[in-house]
Amino acid sequence: MHRDPELKNEDVRLLFEALRRLLAGKGYRRRETTWYFDTRALIRVFSFNIHSRTHFAMGIALRALDRVDDPTVWDAIYPRRCRETHPQIEDCAISVGLHDMVDCTEFDKLTKFLNRAVPGSEAVPKIVQAVSEVALPFLEGFQTLDDVRRVLHSERASLLTIRETARDILLRI
């Protein structure tokens, strides 16, 4: 069992285990509460953090940015990490919270584990369903740099956080 200090709450542990099974079954590898799926051109990133509510985020890290000097907050906090193999959401060329892609009122209720808005036995299956039906299809829609470029020029771009360096790189390659 994962020994992250944030995973003290039993409901959160149940969620972590359910996500671990789902994502491992899809070929994602894990470091702490972030999962990665590598392709030749990019890395799909799925992460969750536990605070007053559980926050889920998805991102696409571009290998074309691996050696570009474009520091993020993580470079100052934890410089030993390897962006090229284990990027954080902040390193991703594009990112979005799952909260922004689903009915946020209902999802807020499901993800407030520490406030017990919805019992974990009821919330965990619904959260895993949202990850399976919304987050994974979003991430799996990115196979190549062309997929990233296409999304940058689509209506969905308004939902995304897009790093300027990534936008510049995608315009050049």
Protein backbone atom coordinates (compact mmCIF):
# COMPACT_ATOMS: atom_id res chain seq x y z
CA MET A 1 0.00 0.00 0.00
CA HIS A 2 1.18 3.50 -0.82
CA ARG A 3 2.45 5.29 2.31
CA ASP A 4 1.90 8.92 1.29
CA PRO A 5 1.09 10.94 4.44
CA GLU A 6 -1.85 12.58 2.63
CA LEU A 7 -3.55 9.19 2.31
CA LYS A 8 -4.59 8.83 5.94
CA ASN A 9 -8.32 9.04 5.27
CA GLU A 10 -9.80 5.59 4.50
CA ASP A 11 -12.00 7.00 1.71
CA VAL A 12 -8.96 8.57 0.08
CA ARG A 13 -7.09 5.26 0.34
CA LEU A 14 -10.02 3.51 -1.36
CA LEU A 15 -9.97 6.12 -4.12
CA PHE A 16 -6.21 5.79 -4.55
CA GLU A 17 -6.44 2.01 -4.87
CA ALA A 18 -9.31 2.22 -7.36
CA LEU A 19 -7.40 4.76 -9.47
CA ARG A 20 -4.21 2.70 -9.23
CA ARG A 21 -6.03 -0.36 -10.61
CA LEU A 22 -7.76 1.62 -13.37
CA LEU A 23 -4.67 3.48 -14.54
CA ALA A 24 -2.26 0.55 -14.23
CA GLY A 25 -4.70 -1.46 -16.31
CA LYS A 26 -4.40 1.19 -19.01
CA GLY A 27 -0.58 1.07 -18.95
CA TYR A 28 0.10 4.11 -16.77
CA ARG A 29 3.05 4.01 -14.36
CA ARG A 30 2.97 5.85 -11.04
CA ARG A 31 5.11 8.02 -8.82
CA GLU A 32 3.29 9.05 -5.63
CA THR A 33 -0.15 10.33 -6.70
CA THR A 34 0.79 11.08 -10.31
CA TRP A 35 0.52 8.62 -13.19
CA TYR A 36 2.38 8.77 -16.51
CA PHE A 37 1.90 7.24 -19.94
CA ASP A 38 4.76 7.78 -22.39
CA THR A 39 4.62 8.01 -26.15
CA ARG A 40 7.48 8.99 -28.44
CA ALA A 41 6.42 12.64 -28.62
CA LEU A 42 4.71 13.25 -25.29
CA ILE A 43 3.84 12.11 -21.80
CA ARG A 44 0.24 11.96 -20.61
CA VAL A 45 -0.01 12.99 -16.96
CA PHE A 46 -2.82 12.31 -14.50
CA SER A 47 -2.52 13.61 -10.96
CA PHE A 48 -4.58 14.04 -7.85
CA ASN A 49 -3.90 16.05 -4.74
CA ILE A 50 -5.73 15.96 -1.46
CA HIS A 51 -6.48 19.20 0.34
CA SER A 52 -9.86 20.41 1.56
CA ARG A 53 -11.21 18.67 -1.54
CA THR A 54 -9.55 16.20 -3.82
CA HIS A 55 -8.26 17.84 -7.00
CA PHE A 56 -7.65 15.93 -10.23
CA ALA A 57 -5.65 17.27 -13.15
CA MET A 58 -4.61 16.02 -16.55
CA GLY A 59 -1.78 17.29 -18.68
CA ILE A 60 0.33 16.65 -21.72
CA ALA A 61 4.09 17.11 -21.42
CA LEU A 62 5.94 17.52 -24.70
CA ARG A 63 9.29 15.85 -25.22
CA ALA A 64 10.15 18.82 -27.46
CA LEU A 65 10.25 20.90 -24.24
CA ASP A 66 12.49 18.50 -22.29
CA ARG A 67 15.64 20.55 -22.67
CA VAL A 68 14.08 24.00 -22.98
CA ASP A 69 15.00 26.28 -20.10
CA ASP A 70 11.50 27.13 -18.91
CA PRO A 71 11.48 26.65 -15.14
CA THR A 72 8.30 26.13 -13.18
CA VAL A 73 7.65 26.43 -9.48
CA TRP A 74 8.68 22.78 -9.08
CA ASP A 75 12.23 23.54 -10.23
CA ALA A 76 12.69 25.86 -7.26
CA ILE A 77 11.01 23.57 -4.74
CA TYR A 78 12.37 20.21 -5.77
CA PRO A 79 15.19 20.55 -8.31
CA ARG A 80 16.18 16.86 -8.21
CA ARG A 81 13.03 15.74 -10.00
CA CYS A 82 13.30 14.74 -13.63
CA ARG A 83 10.90 16.68 -15.81
CA GLU A 84 11.80 14.45 -18.76
CA THR A 85 10.45 11.31 -17.08
CA HIS A 86 8.17 12.56 -14.28
CA PRO A 87 6.72 15.95 -15.16
CA GLN A 88 4.35 17.68 -12.79
CA ILE A 89 1.10 19.18 -14.08
CA GLU A 90 2.81 22.61 -14.02
CA ASP A 91 5.43 21.27 -16.46
CA CYS A 92 2.83 20.17 -18.98
CA ALA A 93 2.37 22.05 -22.23
CA ILE A 94 -1.36 21.89 -21.71
CA SER A 95 -3.30 20.98 -18.60
CA VAL A 96 -6.83 21.00 -17.28
CA GLY A 97 -8.60 20.06 -14.08
CA LEU A 98 -11.14 17.28 -14.24
CA HIS A 99 -13.41 19.64 -12.30
CA ASP A 100 -13.47 21.89 -15.41
CA MET A 101 -14.66 19.06 -17.65
CA VAL A 102 -17.55 17.65 -15.58
CA ASP A 103 -20.59 18.97 -13.74
CA CYS A 104 -18.59 20.87 -11.12
CA THR A 105 -21.40 21.16 -8.55
CA GLU A 106 -21.89 17.40 -8.33
CA PHE A 107 -18.18 16.69 -8.62
CA ASP A 108 -17.40 19.11 -5.76
CA LYS A 109 -19.72 17.13 -3.51
CA LEU A 110 -18.03 13.87 -4.47
CA THR A 111 -14.50 15.09 -3.89
CA LYS A 112 -14.87 16.67 -0.46
CA PHE A 113 -13.50 13.67 1.41
CA LEU A 114 -12.32 15.60 4.41
CA ASN A 115 -15.69 17.31 4.83
CA ARG A 116 -17.65 14.08 4.30
CA ALA A 117 -20.12 15.68 1.88
CA VAL A 118 -20.77 12.24 0.32
CA PRO A 119 -19.73 8.91 1.87
CA GLY A 120 -16.66 7.38 0.23
CA SER A 121 -18.51 4.18 -0.62
CA GLU A 122 -20.81 6.29 -2.80
CA ALA A 123 -18.26 8.83 -4.04
CA VAL A 124 -15.33 6.59 -5.05
CA PRO A 125 -17.17 4.65 -7.82
CA LYS A 126 -18.55 7.90 -9.25
CA ILE A 127 -15.14 9.58 -9.22
CA VAL A 128 -13.51 6.55 -10.87
CA GLN A 129 -16.30 6.59 -13.46
CA ALA A 130 -15.55 10.28 -14.23
CA VAL A 131 -11.85 9.47 -14.57
CA SER A 132 -12.66 6.54 -16.85
CA GLU A 133 -15.23 8.35 -18.99
CA VAL A 134 -13.80 11.88 -19.09
CA ALA A 135 -10.14 12.08 -18.01
CA LEU A 136 -8.80 9.00 -19.79
CA PRO A 137 -10.49 9.71 -23.14
CA PHE A 138 -9.17 13.28 -22.93
CA LEU A 139 -5.63 12.05 -22.30
CA GLU A 140 -5.80 9.23 -24.81
CA GLY A 141 -6.82 11.73 -27.49
CA PHE A 142 -3.18 12.83 -27.50
CA GLN A 143 -0.91 10.53 -29.45
CA THR A 144 1.21 13.01 -31.43
CA LEU A 145 2.24 16.65 -31.52
CA ASP A 146 -0.38 17.16 -34.23
CA ASP A 147 -3.06 16.13 -31.72
CA VAL A 148 -1.79 18.82 -29.33
CA ARG A 149 -1.70 21.42 -32.12
CA ARG A 150 -5.27 20.53 -33.14
CA VAL A 151 -6.57 21.02 -29.60
CA LEU A 152 -4.78 24.37 -29.30
CA HIS A 153 -6.83 25.58 -32.25
CA SER A 154 -10.14 24.12 -31.12
CA GLU A 155 -12.98 25.28 -28.89
CA ARG A 156 -11.61 23.09 -26.10
CA ALA A 157 -8.52 25.32 -25.83
CA SER A 158 -10.50 27.79 -23.72
CA LEU A 159 -10.71 25.15 -20.93
CA LEU A 160 -6.98 24.49 -20.95
CA THR A 161 -4.00 26.05 -19.28
CA ILE A 162 -1.44 26.41 -22.07
CA ARG A 163 2.20 27.22 -21.36
CA GLU A 164 3.50 29.97 -23.64
CA THR A 165 6.73 28.09 -24.29
CA ALA A 166 4.70 25.14 -25.54
CA ARG A 167 2.61 27.36 -27.79
CA ASP A 168 5.80 28.83 -29.29
CA ILE A 169 7.38 25.40 -29.82
CA LEU A 170 4.24 24.00 -31.45
CA LEU A 171 4.16 26.89 -33.90
CA ARG A 172 7.77 26.15 -34.93
CA ILE A 173 7.75 22.37 -35.31
